[in-house]
Amino acid sequence: MKFSNLDKVGGTLGFALLLSLFALPFVSLQPNRIMPGQSIGLLDSASLNTLIPFLVMLVLTSLLSLFKTAIRTRLLLIFLTLMTLMYTVGAGASQLLVEASPLARVSLNAGFWLAIFWLALLITDAAIKLALRPLPRLALVAVIVAAVTSLLAAGYWDSLSLLREYHNQTDFWRQAVRHLQLSLGSIIPAILVGIPLGVRCHRSAGLKAMVFPVLNILQTIPSLAMFGLLMIPLSLLATGYPLLAELGIRGIGAAPAVIALFFYSLLPIVSNTALGFDKVDARVREAATGMGMNARQRLWQVEFPLAMPVILTGLRVVVTMNIGLVAVAALVGGGGFGTYIFQGLGQTATDLVILGAAPTLVLAFLFAIVIDTLIALQRGGKHDRSKSTQQTV
C-alpha cells in the first residue's frame, strides 16, 4: 500500500467519527423531560439486530475514508451511514422505552450530535474532492434534506424526546412561518434601501464618509440593547396613534424585531454593494461606453451584473445573521423558534431548547447554501460577460 494514496483528512474525520460514537454517551434515558438521566453508549442503545446495519456501514465508511480513491463510492457510503444512524437511534429509543415508565424520555447525547457533525464534514470533504459544480452540490444537499425529512415524517423518531416536544407544540409551524417573516421582512426593506445607498456611496466619497460611520455604530449595538431602545419610541407611537397599534406597531412584538434587524442588515448590504461596484474594471466601463451605452445602460447591463457576486456575499451574511438574531427577538414577543429556546431554558428542558435551536441552524445553513450557489453561478457568468464586453470593443 502506497502512503501517497492515504487520505489524511478523510482518515482523521473517520477516526473522529469512531471516537465520538464509541467513547462518548450516545443517548440518555431520563425519568422525565426535565430530570437528568442515565447515559447509554452506542452498543447498549439498541439490540444487536438493529445495530448491525449501522455498524457495517460505519466500518466501510471509516475504511474507505482512509484512501483518496473511490470518492463517489465514499460519498454514497457516508450518506447511507447517515441514514442508518438516524434509523438506529430512533429504533433504539423505542426499545429502551419498552420497560421504562410512561414519563421516561430518550434524549440524544453528545456521541450522536458529534457523529452528525463528523458525517457532515465527511460529506463536505467528499464534495470538495469531487469538485462538484454549484447545481449538483445544491442537489446533493436537497437529497440529504429530503431523505432525513422523509425518515422523520415516517415516525422513526417519534419515541425520542425531541420529537415528543415537537408533537406537544401545536404552534410549531406557525412559529416557523413567523421566523421566516421576521427574517425576510427585515431583509427585503434592507435590500431596497441598502443597494441604492451602496451605489451612491460608490459614486460619492463624501456620502460614503458620512454613511459608513453611522452604519458601523448601529452594527455595534448589542441586539437586546437595540430591542430595548426601540421599545420606548414604538410604545409612545402606539399610545399616541391607536391606528399604528392596530397595525401591529407596538413596543413589543414584531415591530421592534423587524426594525432592529433592518438596521443590522444595512451595513453588510451597503458595504458589499459599494465594494462590488468598486471592483468593476474601469476598462469594462470604457468598453461599455465605447459600445454606445448610456449611464443607465452601463449600470443595469454591465456594472450591476459584475458586482452581483459581491452583493450576494453581503446578502449571505445578512440572511444567516438575521435568522440567528430572530431567535433573540422572542424576548420582546417577536415569536419564532426563539420562543422554544427561552421556554426550554426556563423549564430546564434541554430538548425543547434543541427544538428551537436546531431548525434555526438548519434554516441558516439552507439559505447559505442557496446563496452560495447563486454566487458561484454569478461568478461563472461574470467572466463571460466581462470577456464579451471587451472582445466586442
Protein backbone atom coordinates (compact mmCIF):
# COMPACT_ATOMS: atom_id res chain seq x y z
CA MET A 1 0.00 0.00 0.00
CA LYS A 2 1.40 3.37 -1.01
CA PHE A 3 1.29 6.11 1.61
CA SER A 4 0.59 8.60 -1.18
CA ASN A 5 -2.86 7.00 -1.55
CA LEU A 6 -3.75 7.68 2.07
CA ASP A 7 -6.25 10.49 2.68
CA LYS A 8 -5.16 12.31 5.83
CA VAL A 9 -8.26 14.50 6.06
CA GLY A 10 -10.71 11.68 5.41
CA GLY A 11 -8.85 9.33 7.75
CA THR A 12 -8.82 11.91 10.55
CA LEU A 13 -12.54 12.58 10.17
CA GLY A 14 -13.29 8.86 10.07
CA PHE A 15 -11.29 8.29 13.26
CA ALA A 16 -13.04 11.20 14.97
CA LEU A 17 -16.39 9.69 13.96
CA LEU A 18 -15.50 6.34 15.53
CA LEU A 19 -14.11 8.00 18.64
CA SER A 20 -17.27 10.06 19.15
CA LEU A 21 -19.58 7.08 18.76
CA PHE A 22 -17.70 4.63 20.98
CA ALA A 23 -16.06 6.90 23.58
CA LEU A 24 -18.98 9.22 24.32
CA PRO A 25 -22.55 8.56 25.52
CA PHE A 26 -24.87 8.07 22.57
CA VAL A 27 -28.27 8.69 24.19
CA SER A 28 -29.67 9.31 27.67
CA LEU A 29 -32.61 7.57 29.34
CA GLN A 30 -34.33 10.17 31.52
CA PRO A 31 -37.08 9.54 34.10
CA ASN A 32 -38.96 12.56 32.68
CA ARG A 33 -38.45 15.53 30.34
CA ILE A 34 -36.60 17.63 32.92
CA MET A 35 -34.51 15.40 35.20
CA PRO A 36 -31.10 14.17 34.05
CA GLY A 37 -30.90 10.52 33.20
CA GLN A 38 -28.60 7.59 32.60
CA SER A 39 -26.04 7.92 29.82
CA ILE A 40 -26.05 4.99 27.39
CA GLY A 41 -23.35 4.09 24.88
CA LEU A 42 -23.95 3.16 21.27
CA LEU A 43 -23.64 -0.61 21.76
CA ASP A 44 -26.18 -0.56 24.61
CA SER A 45 -28.65 1.77 22.90
CA ALA A 46 -30.35 -0.89 20.74
CA SER A 47 -30.48 -4.60 20.05
CA LEU A 48 -27.71 -6.21 18.04
CA ASN A 49 -30.02 -6.82 15.07
CA THR A 50 -30.83 -3.11 14.97
CA LEU A 51 -27.19 -2.07 15.30
CA ILE A 52 -25.64 -4.42 12.71
CA PRO A 53 -26.60 -2.44 9.54
CA PHE A 54 -25.27 0.79 11.02
CA LEU A 55 -22.06 -0.82 12.31
CA VAL A 56 -21.39 -2.37 8.89
CA MET A 57 -21.89 0.97 7.13
CA LEU A 58 -19.76 2.71 9.77
CA VAL A 59 -16.82 0.32 9.29
CA LEU A 60 -17.00 0.57 5.48
CA THR A 61 -17.16 4.37 5.59
CA SER A 62 -14.24 4.64 8.01
CA LEU A 63 -12.08 2.28 5.96
CA LEU A 64 -12.82 3.94 2.63
CA SER A 65 -12.16 7.38 4.14
CA LEU A 66 -8.53 6.35 4.58
CA PHE A 67 -7.90 6.37 0.81
CA LYS A 68 -8.04 9.03 -1.88
CA THR A 69 -9.70 6.74 -4.40
CA ALA A 70 -13.39 5.86 -4.96
CA ILE A 71 -14.65 9.22 -3.73
CA ARG A 72 -18.12 8.72 -5.28
CA THR A 73 -18.47 5.38 -3.51
CA ARG A 74 -17.29 7.03 -0.30
CA LEU A 75 -19.93 9.75 -0.64
CA LEU A 76 -22.65 7.13 -1.13
CA LEU A 77 -21.44 5.17 1.90
CA ILE A 78 -21.40 8.31 4.07
CA PHE A 79 -24.97 9.08 3.02
CA LEU A 80 -26.08 5.53 3.83
CA THR A 81 -24.24 5.70 7.16
CA LEU A 82 -26.10 8.90 8.00
CA MET A 83 -29.46 7.32 7.16
CA THR A 84 -28.78 4.14 9.12
CA LEU A 85 -27.61 6.27 12.07
CA MET A 86 -30.88 8.19 12.02
CA TYR A 87 -32.89 4.96 11.83
CA THR A 88 -30.85 3.21 14.52
CA VAL A 89 -31.21 5.94 17.12
CA GLY A 90 -34.99 6.06 16.58
CA ALA A 91 -35.43 2.28 16.71
CA GLY A 92 -33.16 2.07 19.75
CA ALA A 93 -35.22 4.69 21.59
CA SER A 94 -38.36 2.60 21.07
CA GLN A 95 -36.60 -0.45 22.51
CA LEU A 96 -35.27 1.44 25.55
CA LEU A 97 -38.76 2.70 26.43
CA VAL A 98 -40.43 -0.72 26.35
CA GLU A 99 -39.76 -1.41 30.03
CA ALA A 100 -39.49 2.22 31.17
CA SER A 101 -42.15 4.31 32.89
CA PRO A 102 -44.68 6.27 30.78
CA LEU A 103 -42.94 9.53 31.66
CA ALA A 104 -39.49 8.32 30.61
CA ARG A 105 -37.70 10.04 27.75
CA VAL A 106 -34.79 9.11 25.50
CA SER A 107 -32.65 12.14 24.61
CA LEU A 108 -29.84 12.42 22.12
CA ASN A 109 -26.42 12.75 23.73
CA ALA A 110 -23.00 14.07 22.75
CA GLY A 111 -21.96 10.98 20.79
CA PHE A 112 -24.88 11.31 18.39
CA TRP A 113 -24.51 15.04 17.80
CA LEU A 114 -20.77 14.79 17.21
CA ALA A 115 -21.33 11.86 14.83
CA ILE A 116 -23.70 14.05 12.79
CA PHE A 117 -21.05 16.78 12.78
CA TRP A 118 -18.28 14.46 11.55
CA LEU A 119 -20.53 12.89 8.91
CA ALA A 120 -21.39 16.38 7.64
CA LEU A 121 -17.67 17.18 7.38
CA LEU A 122 -17.04 13.89 5.57
CA ILE A 123 -19.77 14.72 3.05
CA THR A 124 -18.30 18.21 2.59
CA ASP A 125 -14.80 16.76 2.13
CA ALA A 126 -16.04 14.29 -0.48
CA ALA A 127 -17.95 17.00 -2.35
CA ILE A 128 -14.81 19.17 -2.44
CA LYS A 129 -12.66 16.30 -3.70
CA LEU A 130 -15.24 15.58 -6.43
CA ALA A 131 -15.16 19.30 -7.37
CA LEU A 132 -18.95 19.33 -7.64
CA ARG A 133 -20.38 22.23 -9.58
CA PRO A 134 -22.88 24.56 -7.85
CA LEU A 135 -26.12 22.93 -9.01
CA PRO A 136 -25.04 19.30 -8.31
CA ARG A 137 -23.81 20.47 -4.89
CA LEU A 138 -27.20 22.02 -4.19
CA ALA A 139 -28.92 18.86 -5.45
CA LEU A 140 -26.82 16.78 -3.02
CA VAL A 141 -27.98 18.91 -0.10
CA ALA A 142 -31.58 18.67 -1.32
CA VAL A 143 -31.38 14.86 -1.47
CA ILE A 144 -29.99 14.66 2.08
CA VAL A 145 -32.64 17.03 3.45
CA ALA A 146 -35.42 15.16 1.64
CA ALA A 147 -34.19 11.79 2.94
CA VAL A 148 -33.91 12.98 6.55
CA THR A 149 -37.31 14.69 6.35
CA SER A 150 -38.91 11.54 4.95
CA LEU A 151 -37.45 9.47 7.76
CA LEU A 152 -38.79 11.88 10.39
CA ALA A 153 -42.20 12.08 8.70
CA ALA A 154 -42.40 8.28 8.69
CA GLY A 155 -42.30 8.33 12.51
CA TYR A 156 -38.96 6.61 13.10
CA TRP A 157 -38.01 9.27 15.66
CA ASP A 158 -41.35 9.54 17.45
CA SER A 159 -40.02 7.76 20.54
CA LEU A 160 -37.27 10.35 21.03
CA SER A 161 -37.81 13.18 23.48
CA LEU A 162 -37.07 15.76 20.77
CA LEU A 163 -39.99 14.59 18.65
CA ARG A 164 -42.25 14.35 21.68
CA GLU A 165 -41.54 18.01 22.36
CA TYR A 166 -42.37 18.72 18.72
CA HIS A 167 -45.72 16.93 18.94
CA ASN A 168 -46.54 18.82 22.16
CA GLN A 169 -46.05 22.18 20.42
CA THR A 170 -49.19 22.71 18.36
CA ASP A 171 -47.92 26.04 17.01
CA PHE A 172 -44.54 24.82 15.72
CA TRP A 173 -45.23 25.58 12.06
CA ARG A 174 -46.84 28.90 12.90
CA GLN A 175 -43.66 29.86 14.73
CA ALA A 176 -41.64 28.63 11.74
CA VAL A 177 -43.61 30.95 9.44
CA ARG A 178 -43.16 33.82 11.91
CA HIS A 179 -39.39 33.16 11.99
CA LEU A 180 -39.22 33.45 8.21
CA GLN A 181 -41.48 36.50 8.20
CA LEU A 182 -39.26 38.36 10.65
CA SER A 183 -36.07 37.35 8.83
CA LEU A 184 -37.25 38.17 5.29
CA GLY A 185 -39.42 41.07 6.43
CA SER A 186 -36.29 42.88 7.59
CA ILE A 187 -34.05 41.79 4.70
CA ILE A 188 -36.29 42.91 1.82
CA PRO A 189 -36.50 46.57 3.01
CA ALA A 190 -32.77 46.49 3.74
CA ILE A 191 -32.11 45.39 0.14
CA LEU A 192 -34.39 48.10 -1.27
CA VAL A 193 -32.61 50.77 0.79
CA GLY A 194 -29.10 49.33 1.03
CA ILE A 195 -28.31 48.60 -2.63
CA PRO A 196 -29.19 52.09 -3.96
CA LEU A 197 -27.36 53.61 -0.98
CA GLY A 198 -24.33 51.44 -1.71
CA VAL A 199 -24.32 52.60 -5.35
CA ARG A 200 -24.45 56.22 -4.19
CA CYS A 201 -21.60 55.61 -1.72
CA HIS A 202 -19.53 54.14 -4.57
CA ARG A 203 -20.05 57.28 -6.61
CA SER A 204 -19.65 59.81 -3.78
CA ALA A 205 -16.71 59.61 -1.37
CA GLY A 206 -18.29 62.32 0.80
CA LEU A 207 -21.53 60.40 1.23
CA LYS A 208 -19.56 57.23 1.99
CA ALA A 209 -17.61 59.05 4.70
CA MET A 210 -20.90 60.13 6.29
CA VAL A 211 -22.91 56.90 5.97
CA PHE A 212 -20.39 54.21 6.95
CA PRO A 213 -19.61 55.54 10.48
CA VAL A 214 -23.35 55.65 11.26
CA LEU A 215 -23.89 52.11 10.00
CA ASN A 216 -20.86 50.88 11.93
CA ILE A 217 -22.29 52.35 15.14
CA LEU A 218 -25.65 50.64 14.53
CA GLN A 219 -23.85 47.35 13.93
CA THR A 220 -22.01 47.52 17.27
CA ILE A 221 -25.16 47.94 19.39
CA PRO A 222 -25.99 44.60 21.10
CA SER A 223 -29.24 43.05 19.90
CA LEU A 224 -31.00 43.14 23.28
CA ALA A 225 -29.99 46.78 23.74
CA MET A 226 -31.33 47.60 20.28
CA PHE A 227 -34.66 45.93 21.03
CA GLY A 228 -34.86 47.83 24.32
CA LEU A 229 -34.06 51.18 22.70
CA LEU A 230 -36.79 50.68 20.12
CA MET A 231 -39.45 49.66 22.63
CA ILE A 232 -39.79 53.18 24.10
CA PRO A 233 -40.44 55.22 20.90
CA LEU A 234 -42.64 52.48 19.44
CA SER A 235 -44.70 52.33 22.64
CA LEU A 236 -45.15 56.11 22.53
CA LEU A 237 -46.22 55.95 18.89
CA ALA A 238 -48.72 53.19 19.62
CA THR A 239 -50.16 55.20 22.51
CA GLY A 240 -50.39 58.44 20.56
CA TYR A 241 -51.70 56.86 17.36
CA PRO A 242 -54.06 53.93 18.05
CA LEU A 243 -54.18 53.13 14.34
CA LEU A 244 -50.49 52.19 14.44
CA ALA A 245 -51.18 49.89 17.38
CA GLU A 246 -53.94 48.19 15.40
CA LEU A 247 -51.46 47.68 12.55
CA GLY A 248 -49.09 45.89 14.94
CA ILE A 249 -46.61 48.70 15.59
CA ARG A 250 -46.09 48.43 19.35
CA GLY A 251 -43.26 48.40 21.86
CA ILE A 252 -43.24 44.61 21.89
CA GLY A 253 -43.88 42.11 19.14
CA ALA A 254 -42.74 42.01 15.54
CA ALA A 255 -42.19 45.76 15.03
CA PRO A 256 -39.05 46.27 17.19
CA ALA A 257 -37.64 42.98 15.86
CA VAL A 258 -38.08 43.93 12.19
CA ILE A 259 -36.74 47.46 12.67
CA ALA A 260 -33.69 46.28 14.64
CA LEU A 261 -32.90 43.58 12.07
CA PHE A 262 -33.32 46.16 9.31
CA PHE A 263 -30.66 48.36 10.95
CA TYR A 264 -28.30 45.39 11.37
CA SER A 265 -28.77 44.40 7.72
CA LEU A 266 -27.77 47.75 6.25
CA LEU A 267 -24.01 47.69 6.81
CA PRO A 268 -23.24 44.36 5.05
CA ILE A 269 -25.52 45.21 2.12
CA VAL A 270 -24.32 48.81 1.67
CA SER A 271 -20.64 47.99 2.12
CA ASN A 272 -20.70 44.98 -0.22
CA THR A 273 -22.65 46.89 -2.85
CA ALA A 274 -20.11 49.72 -2.78
CA LEU A 275 -17.24 47.22 -2.81
CA GLY A 276 -18.77 45.29 -5.71
CA PHE A 277 -19.04 48.43 -7.85
CA ASP A 278 -15.53 49.50 -6.81
CA LYS A 279 -14.18 46.19 -8.17
CA VAL A 280 -15.69 46.63 -11.63
CA ASP A 281 -12.74 47.08 -14.00
CA ALA A 282 -12.51 50.61 -15.42
CA ARG A 283 -11.67 49.10 -18.82
CA VAL A 284 -15.03 47.32 -18.80
CA ARG A 285 -16.81 50.62 -18.18
CA GLU A 286 -14.84 52.22 -21.01
CA ALA A 287 -15.70 49.32 -23.29
CA ALA A 288 -19.40 49.67 -22.45
CA THR A 289 -19.24 53.41 -23.19
CA GLY A 290 -17.48 52.66 -26.48
CA MET A 291 -20.37 50.36 -27.40
CA GLY A 292 -22.72 53.34 -27.10
CA MET A 293 -24.26 52.58 -23.71
CA ASN A 294 -25.51 55.48 -21.60
CA ALA A 295 -25.08 55.67 -17.81
CA ARG A 296 -28.31 53.79 -17.05
CA GLN A 297 -27.49 51.01 -19.50
CA ARG A 298 -23.97 50.66 -18.08
CA LEU A 299 -25.43 50.40 -14.59
CA TRP A 300 -28.01 47.69 -15.31
CA GLN A 301 -26.34 45.74 -18.11
CA VAL A 302 -22.67 45.85 -17.09
CA GLU A 303 -21.86 47.19 -13.63
CA PHE A 304 -24.69 45.64 -11.65
CA PRO A 305 -24.25 42.08 -13.04
CA LEU A 306 -20.48 42.25 -12.48
CA ALA A 307 -20.96 43.50 -8.89
CA MET A 308 -23.66 40.92 -8.11
CA PRO A 309 -21.37 38.19 -6.64
CA VAL A 310 -20.01 40.62 -4.05
CA ILE A 311 -23.52 41.93 -3.30
CA LEU A 312 -24.77 38.37 -2.82
CA THR A 313 -21.88 37.71 -0.43
CA GLY A 314 -23.14 40.55 1.74
CA LEU A 315 -26.67 39.20 1.45
CA ARG A 316 -25.46 35.79 2.63
CA VAL A 317 -24.00 37.41 5.75
CA VAL A 318 -27.26 39.26 6.38
CA VAL A 319 -29.51 36.23 5.91
CA THR A 320 -27.54 33.94 8.24
CA MET A 321 -27.14 36.73 10.81
CA ASN A 322 -30.83 37.67 10.79
CA ILE A 323 -32.08 34.10 11.07
CA GLY A 324 -29.99 33.76 14.21
CA LEU A 325 -30.98 37.15 15.65
CA VAL A 326 -34.69 36.43 15.17
CA ALA A 327 -34.30 33.81 17.90
CA VAL A 328 -33.32 36.60 20.31
CA ALA A 329 -36.37 38.62 19.21
CA ALA A 330 -38.56 36.14 21.09
CA LEU A 331 -37.58 38.01 24.26
CA VAL A 332 -39.59 41.04 23.06
CA GLY A 333 -42.56 38.99 21.88
CA GLY A 334 -41.41 38.64 18.30
CA GLY A 335 -42.10 34.91 18.16
CA GLY A 336 -40.23 32.42 16.02
CA PHE A 337 -38.11 29.47 17.08
CA GLY A 338 -36.55 31.53 19.86
CA THR A 339 -39.81 31.05 21.77
CA TYR A 340 -38.92 27.40 22.33
CA ILE A 341 -35.32 28.20 23.22
CA PHE A 342 -36.31 30.54 26.05
CA GLN A 343 -39.19 28.35 27.19
CA GLY A 344 -36.81 25.41 27.37
CA LEU A 345 -34.25 27.42 29.32
CA GLY A 346 -36.95 28.48 31.78
CA GLN A 347 -38.17 24.91 32.23
CA THR A 348 -34.67 23.34 32.12
CA ALA A 349 -35.99 21.19 29.26
CA THR A 350 -32.96 20.59 27.02
CA ASP A 351 -34.91 19.00 24.18
CA LEU A 352 -37.25 21.99 23.99
CA VAL A 353 -34.19 24.22 23.62
CA ILE A 354 -32.92 21.97 20.83
CA LEU A 355 -36.36 22.09 19.17
CA GLY A 356 -35.85 25.85 18.77
CA ALA A 357 -32.12 25.88 18.08
CA ALA A 358 -31.88 23.04 15.53
CA PRO A 359 -34.40 24.46 12.99
CA THR A 360 -32.74 27.86 13.30
CA LEU A 361 -29.37 26.35 12.39
CA VAL A 362 -30.88 24.31 9.55
CA LEU A 363 -32.65 27.37 8.10
CA ALA A 364 -29.46 29.44 8.20
CA PHE A 365 -27.48 26.60 6.59
CA LEU A 366 -30.00 26.03 3.78
CA PHE A 367 -30.26 29.72 2.92
CA ALA A 368 -26.45 29.99 2.95
CA ILE A 369 -26.16 27.01 0.57
CA VAL A 370 -28.70 28.51 -1.84
CA ILE A 371 -26.98 31.90 -1.85
CA ASP A 372 -23.56 30.26 -2.25
CA THR A 373 -24.94 28.50 -5.33
CA LEU A 374 -26.18 31.81 -6.75
CA ILE A 375 -22.78 33.41 -6.06
CA ALA A 376 -20.96 30.59 -7.86
CA LEU A 377 -23.31 30.82 -10.84
CA GLN A 378 -22.92 34.61 -10.97
CA ARG A 379 -19.14 34.37 -10.83
CA GLY A 380 -19.23 31.90 -13.70
CA GLY A 381 -21.27 34.30 -15.78
CA LYS A 382 -19.30 37.34 -14.65
CA HIS A 383 -16.14 36.32 -16.51
CA ASP A 384 -18.18 35.54 -19.62
CA ARG A 385 -19.86 39.00 -19.59
CA SER A 386 -16.56 40.79 -18.95
CA LYS A 387 -14.80 38.97 -21.82
CA SER A 388 -17.74 39.52 -24.14
CA THR A 389 -17.78 43.28 -23.49
CA GLN A 390 -14.04 43.67 -24.04
CA GLN A 391 -13.99 41.47 -27.14
CA THR A 392 -16.85 43.39 -28.74
CA VAL A 393 -14.82 46.57 -28.50
